[in-house]
Amino acid sequence: MTTTYGPLAIWAVVLVVGVLTFGIRYSFIYLLGHVDGMPPRIERALRYVPAAVLAALVAPSVLDPGPTVAATLFDGRLFAGVVAAGVAWATENMFATLAAGMVTLWGVTFLL
């Protein structure tokens, strides 16, 4: 893919985008340094960020669509994820959740 823009225009765009990205990121650091406290609504919303990030990382590997619906439903990762979610809901213990999910995944993989 070629472009009609010259090297100077491309470098100017890279420089402007870099400065804007730095400005956006630095503005949060600067603002948080000058604000006495976090507003309660933002603080309450930030409590859900770790769970949302973890779910975003785990969900694609657990819910990986197989070539057929049956292959997706009988995948060991989905079953292990369901067991881990049940253990997490019942115990609220991270290590129990991880252990239950891993043992279930290994067991299902061994049996299949």
Foldseek 3Di string as FASTA:
>chain_A
DDDPDDPVVVVVVVVVVVVVVVVVVVVVVVVVVVDPDDPPVVVVVVVCVVVVVVCVVLVCVLQPDDPDPVCRVLQQSVVLQVQLVVCCVVPVDPVVSVVSSVVSSVVSVVVD
